[in-house]
Amino acid sequence: MELIERIKSIVIDTVRAMDLLDTGYATVVSTSPLTIKLQAMQLTIKEPVAVLTDNVKYQAITIQGETAVINPGLKAGDKVLTLKANAGQNYIIISKV
């Protein structure tokens, strides 16, 4: 029984060490190019490593000649929720906080 528990512990530690997926908070430093600063590590990341979802992209529509902004997008100083993917090779910006 002890061997099985030890193997189980090794597998759990290995998966944690891979650091495959994690959420966190960041602050938008600039929008062109997109640059964010992660709160947890004080690490600054830029496009293309930082990727936007449709929830945070600028969106506008034109109705009868009038333009209506549906989503104003991001601006410097915005706080965002991020999803770390591929062991930190990409950061997906999910939404504003």
N, C-alpha and C. Protein backbone atom coordinates (compact mmCIF):
# COMPACT_ATOMS: atom_id res chain seq x y z
N MET A 1 0.83 -1.20 0.00
CA MET A 1 0.00 0.00 0.00
C MET A 1 0.87 1.26 0.00
N GLU A 2 1.98 1.24 0.66
CA GLU A 2 2.86 2.41 0.74
C GLU A 2 3.42 2.77 -0.64
N LEU A 3 3.75 1.78 -1.45
CA LEU A 3 4.28 2.03 -2.79
C LEU A 3 3.25 2.76 -3.65
N ILE A 4 2.01 2.34 -3.58
CA ILE A 4 0.95 2.97 -4.37
C ILE A 4 0.77 4.44 -3.95
N GLU A 5 0.79 4.71 -2.67
CA GLU A 5 0.65 6.07 -2.18
C GLU A 5 1.83 6.94 -2.62
N ARG A 6 3.02 6.36 -2.63
CA ARG A 6 4.21 7.09 -3.05
C ARG A 6 4.14 7.43 -4.54
N ILE A 7 3.72 6.48 -5.36
CA ILE A 7 3.56 6.72 -6.81
C ILE A 7 2.50 7.79 -7.05
N LYS A 8 1.41 7.71 -6.33
CA LYS A 8 0.33 8.70 -6.45
C LYS A 8 0.87 10.09 -6.10
N SER A 9 1.65 10.20 -5.06
CA SER A 9 2.24 11.46 -4.63
C SER A 9 3.19 12.02 -5.70
N ILE A 10 3.99 11.17 -6.31
CA ILE A 10 4.92 11.58 -7.37
C ILE A 10 4.15 12.12 -8.58
N VAL A 11 3.09 11.44 -8.96
CA VAL A 11 2.29 11.87 -10.11
C VAL A 11 1.65 13.22 -9.83
N ILE A 12 1.09 13.42 -8.65
CA ILE A 12 0.47 14.70 -8.29
C ILE A 12 1.51 15.82 -8.30
N ASP A 13 2.68 15.57 -7.73
CA ASP A 13 3.74 16.58 -7.71
C ASP A 13 4.21 16.92 -9.12
N THR A 14 4.29 15.94 -9.99
CA THR A 14 4.72 16.16 -11.37
C THR A 14 3.72 17.02 -12.12
N VAL A 15 2.45 16.74 -11.97
CA VAL A 15 1.41 17.52 -12.65
C VAL A 15 1.41 18.95 -12.14
N ARG A 16 1.56 19.16 -10.84
CA ARG A 16 1.64 20.51 -10.29
C ARG A 16 2.85 21.26 -10.83
N ALA A 17 3.97 20.58 -10.93
CA ALA A 17 5.20 21.21 -11.41
C ALA A 17 5.09 21.63 -12.87
N MET A 18 4.24 20.96 -13.64
CA MET A 18 4.07 21.30 -15.05
C MET A 18 3.38 22.65 -15.19
N ASP A 19 2.62 23.07 -14.17
CA ASP A 19 2.00 24.39 -14.15
C ASP A 19 1.24 24.66 -15.44
N LEU A 20 0.34 23.75 -15.81
CA LEU A 20 -0.33 23.81 -17.10
C LEU A 20 -1.37 24.92 -17.23
N LEU A 21 -2.11 25.19 -16.18
CA LEU A 21 -3.22 26.12 -16.30
C LEU A 21 -3.43 26.85 -14.99
N ASP A 22 -3.62 28.16 -15.06
CA ASP A 22 -3.78 28.94 -13.85
C ASP A 22 -4.46 30.26 -14.20
N THR A 23 -5.21 30.81 -13.25
CA THR A 23 -5.81 32.12 -13.45
C THR A 23 -5.10 33.15 -12.59
N GLY A 24 -5.24 34.38 -12.95
CA GLY A 24 -4.62 35.44 -12.18
C GLY A 24 -5.12 36.80 -12.64
N TYR A 25 -4.59 37.84 -12.02
CA TYR A 25 -4.98 39.20 -12.34
C TYR A 25 -3.79 39.94 -12.93
N ALA A 26 -4.11 40.92 -13.78
CA ALA A 26 -3.07 41.73 -14.41
C ALA A 26 -3.60 43.13 -14.62
N THR A 27 -2.69 44.04 -14.91
CA THR A 27 -3.03 45.42 -15.22
C THR A 27 -2.55 45.71 -16.64
N VAL A 28 -3.42 46.36 -17.43
CA VAL A 28 -3.05 46.73 -18.79
C VAL A 28 -2.09 47.92 -18.71
N VAL A 29 -0.90 47.75 -19.28
CA VAL A 29 0.11 48.81 -19.31
C VAL A 29 -0.09 49.67 -20.56
N SER A 30 -0.29 49.02 -21.70
CA SER A 30 -0.57 49.74 -22.95
C SER A 30 -1.40 48.85 -23.86
N THR A 31 -2.06 49.48 -24.83
CA THR A 31 -2.91 48.71 -25.73
C THR A 31 -2.30 48.51 -27.11
N SER A 32 -1.30 49.30 -27.46
CA SER A 32 -0.69 49.16 -28.77
C SER A 32 0.83 49.28 -28.66
N PRO A 33 1.55 48.20 -28.64
CA PRO A 33 1.09 46.81 -28.60
C PRO A 33 0.52 46.47 -27.22
N LEU A 34 -0.36 45.49 -27.20
CA LEU A 34 -0.96 45.07 -25.94
C LEU A 34 0.13 44.61 -24.99
N THR A 35 0.18 45.23 -23.82
CA THR A 35 1.16 44.89 -22.80
C THR A 35 0.44 44.84 -21.46
N ILE A 36 0.61 43.73 -20.73
CA ILE A 36 0.00 43.60 -19.42
C ILE A 36 1.06 43.24 -18.38
N LYS A 37 0.78 43.62 -17.13
CA LYS A 37 1.70 43.30 -16.04
C LYS A 37 0.96 42.39 -15.06
N LEU A 38 1.47 41.18 -14.90
CA LEU A 38 0.85 40.21 -14.00
C LEU A 38 1.08 40.61 -12.56
N GLN A 39 0.03 40.54 -11.75
CA GLN A 39 0.14 40.91 -10.34
C GLN A 39 1.00 39.96 -9.55
N ALA A 40 0.79 38.68 -9.73
CA ALA A 40 1.46 37.68 -8.89
C ALA A 40 2.98 37.70 -9.04
N MET A 41 3.47 37.85 -10.26
CA MET A 41 4.91 37.75 -10.50
C MET A 41 5.56 39.07 -10.88
N GLN A 42 4.74 40.13 -11.02
CA GLN A 42 5.24 41.42 -11.49
C GLN A 42 5.98 41.25 -12.82
N LEU A 43 5.47 40.35 -13.65
CA LEU A 43 6.03 40.05 -14.96
C LEU A 43 5.24 40.82 -16.01
N THR A 44 5.93 41.44 -16.97
CA THR A 44 5.27 42.17 -18.05
C THR A 44 5.30 41.32 -19.30
N ILE A 45 4.11 41.18 -19.94
CA ILE A 45 4.00 40.37 -21.14
C ILE A 45 3.37 41.20 -22.25
N LYS A 46 3.77 40.90 -23.50
CA LYS A 46 3.26 41.61 -24.67
C LYS A 46 2.62 40.64 -25.66
N GLU A 47 1.91 41.24 -26.64
CA GLU A 47 1.42 40.43 -27.74
C GLU A 47 2.62 39.80 -28.42
N PRO A 48 2.54 38.67 -29.02
CA PRO A 48 1.43 37.75 -29.18
C PRO A 48 1.25 36.78 -28.01
N VAL A 49 2.07 36.89 -26.97
CA VAL A 49 1.91 36.00 -25.81
C VAL A 49 0.60 36.30 -25.10
N ALA A 50 0.22 37.56 -25.00
CA ALA A 50 -1.06 37.96 -24.41
C ALA A 50 -2.10 37.97 -25.52
N VAL A 51 -3.18 37.23 -25.31
CA VAL A 51 -4.22 37.07 -26.33
C VAL A 51 -5.55 37.56 -25.77
N LEU A 52 -6.30 38.31 -26.56
CA LEU A 52 -7.60 38.83 -26.13
C LEU A 52 -8.74 37.90 -26.53
N THR A 53 -9.74 37.79 -25.66
CA THR A 53 -10.99 37.12 -26.04
C THR A 53 -11.95 38.20 -26.55
N ASP A 54 -13.06 37.79 -27.14
CA ASP A 54 -14.04 38.75 -27.64
C ASP A 54 -14.64 39.60 -26.52
N ASN A 55 -14.61 39.11 -25.29
CA ASN A 55 -15.17 39.86 -24.15
C ASN A 55 -14.45 41.17 -23.90
N VAL A 56 -13.21 41.30 -24.33
CA VAL A 56 -12.44 42.51 -24.05
C VAL A 56 -12.00 43.26 -25.31
N LYS A 57 -12.40 42.79 -26.47
CA LYS A 57 -12.06 43.48 -27.71
C LYS A 57 -13.05 44.61 -27.99
N TYR A 58 -12.55 45.66 -28.64
CA TYR A 58 -13.42 46.77 -29.05
C TYR A 58 -14.47 46.25 -30.03
N GLN A 59 -15.74 46.62 -29.79
CA GLN A 59 -16.82 46.22 -30.69
C GLN A 59 -17.80 47.37 -30.85
N ALA A 60 -18.13 47.70 -32.08
CA ALA A 60 -19.10 48.75 -32.37
C ALA A 60 -19.95 48.33 -33.55
N ILE A 61 -21.17 48.85 -33.59
CA ILE A 61 -22.06 48.59 -34.72
C ILE A 61 -22.62 49.92 -35.21
N THR A 62 -23.02 49.93 -36.47
CA THR A 62 -23.62 51.13 -37.04
C THR A 62 -25.07 50.82 -37.37
N ILE A 63 -25.97 51.64 -36.82
CA ILE A 63 -27.41 51.48 -37.06
C ILE A 63 -27.94 52.81 -37.56
N GLN A 64 -28.50 52.81 -38.75
CA GLN A 64 -29.06 54.00 -39.39
C GLN A 64 -28.08 55.17 -39.35
N GLY A 65 -26.82 54.89 -39.67
CA GLY A 65 -25.82 55.93 -39.73
C GLY A 65 -25.20 56.33 -38.40
N GLU A 66 -25.73 55.81 -37.31
CA GLU A 66 -25.20 56.10 -35.97
C GLU A 66 -24.36 54.93 -35.49
N THR A 67 -23.20 55.23 -34.95
CA THR A 67 -22.32 54.18 -34.44
C THR A 67 -22.55 54.03 -32.93
N ALA A 68 -22.79 52.80 -32.52
CA ALA A 68 -22.98 52.49 -31.10
C ALA A 68 -21.85 51.57 -30.65
N VAL A 69 -21.18 51.95 -29.60
CA VAL A 69 -20.09 51.14 -29.07
C VAL A 69 -20.69 50.10 -28.12
N ILE A 70 -20.48 48.84 -28.46
CA ILE A 70 -20.98 47.74 -27.63
C ILE A 70 -19.99 47.44 -26.51
N ASN A 71 -18.71 47.43 -26.86
CA ASN A 71 -17.65 47.17 -25.89
C ASN A 71 -16.50 48.14 -26.20
N PRO A 72 -16.12 48.99 -25.24
CA PRO A 72 -15.06 49.96 -25.51
C PRO A 72 -13.66 49.37 -25.59
N GLY A 73 -13.51 48.11 -25.25
CA GLY A 73 -12.19 47.48 -25.29
C GLY A 73 -11.37 47.82 -24.06
N LEU A 74 -10.08 47.56 -24.14
CA LEU A 74 -9.19 47.81 -23.01
C LEU A 74 -8.49 49.15 -23.14
N LYS A 75 -8.10 49.70 -21.99
CA LYS A 75 -7.28 50.91 -21.98
C LYS A 75 -6.25 50.75 -20.86
N ALA A 76 -5.19 51.53 -20.92
CA ALA A 76 -4.14 51.46 -19.90
C ALA A 76 -4.75 51.69 -18.52
N GLY A 77 -4.34 50.86 -17.58
CA GLY A 77 -4.84 50.96 -16.21
C GLY A 77 -5.95 49.99 -15.88
N ASP A 78 -6.58 49.38 -16.89
CA ASP A 78 -7.65 48.41 -16.64
C ASP A 78 -7.09 47.18 -15.92
N LYS A 79 -7.86 46.65 -15.00
CA LYS A 79 -7.53 45.39 -14.33
C LYS A 79 -8.24 44.28 -15.09
N VAL A 80 -7.53 43.19 -15.36
CA VAL A 80 -8.10 42.09 -16.14
C VAL A 80 -7.86 40.75 -15.47
N LEU A 81 -8.70 39.80 -15.81
CA LEU A 81 -8.56 38.42 -15.36
C LEU A 81 -7.86 37.65 -16.47
N THR A 82 -6.78 36.95 -16.12
CA THR A 82 -6.02 36.22 -17.13
C THR A 82 -6.05 34.73 -16.86
N LEU A 83 -5.85 33.98 -17.92
CA LEU A 83 -5.77 32.53 -17.85
C LEU A 83 -4.43 32.15 -18.45
N LYS A 84 -3.58 31.53 -17.64
CA LYS A 84 -2.27 31.10 -18.13
C LYS A 84 -2.43 29.75 -18.80
N ALA A 85 -1.88 29.62 -19.99
CA ALA A 85 -1.96 28.37 -20.73
C ALA A 85 -0.57 27.97 -21.21
N ASN A 86 -0.42 26.71 -21.50
CA ASN A 86 0.85 26.17 -22.03
C ASN A 86 2.04 26.51 -21.13
N ALA A 87 1.86 26.34 -19.83
CA ALA A 87 2.92 26.58 -18.85
C ALA A 87 3.51 27.99 -18.97
N GLY A 88 2.64 28.97 -19.23
CA GLY A 88 3.08 30.35 -19.30
C GLY A 88 3.54 30.82 -20.66
N GLN A 89 3.36 29.99 -21.68
CA GLN A 89 3.72 30.40 -23.04
C GLN A 89 2.69 31.36 -23.61
N ASN A 90 1.46 31.31 -23.11
CA ASN A 90 0.39 32.20 -23.53
C ASN A 90 -0.41 32.64 -22.31
N TYR A 91 -0.93 33.86 -22.38
CA TYR A 91 -1.83 34.39 -21.35
C TYR A 91 -3.06 34.90 -22.08
N ILE A 92 -4.21 34.35 -21.73
CA ILE A 92 -5.48 34.72 -22.38
C ILE A 92 -6.19 35.68 -21.45
N ILE A 93 -6.54 36.85 -21.98
CA ILE A 93 -7.25 37.85 -21.19
C ILE A 93 -8.74 37.56 -21.34
N ILE A 94 -9.35 37.15 -20.22
CA ILE A 94 -10.73 36.70 -20.25
C ILE A 94 -11.71 37.85 -20.13
N SER A 95 -11.51 38.74 -19.15
CA SER A 95 -12.45 39.84 -18.95
C SER A 95 -11.83 40.93 -18.10
N LYS A 96 -12.52 42.07 -18.08
CA LYS A 96 -12.14 43.15 -17.16
C LYS A 96 -12.65 42.80 -15.77
N VAL A 97 -11.97 43.33 -14.78
CA VAL A 97 -12.39 43.08 -13.39
C VAL A 97 -12.90 44.38 -12.81
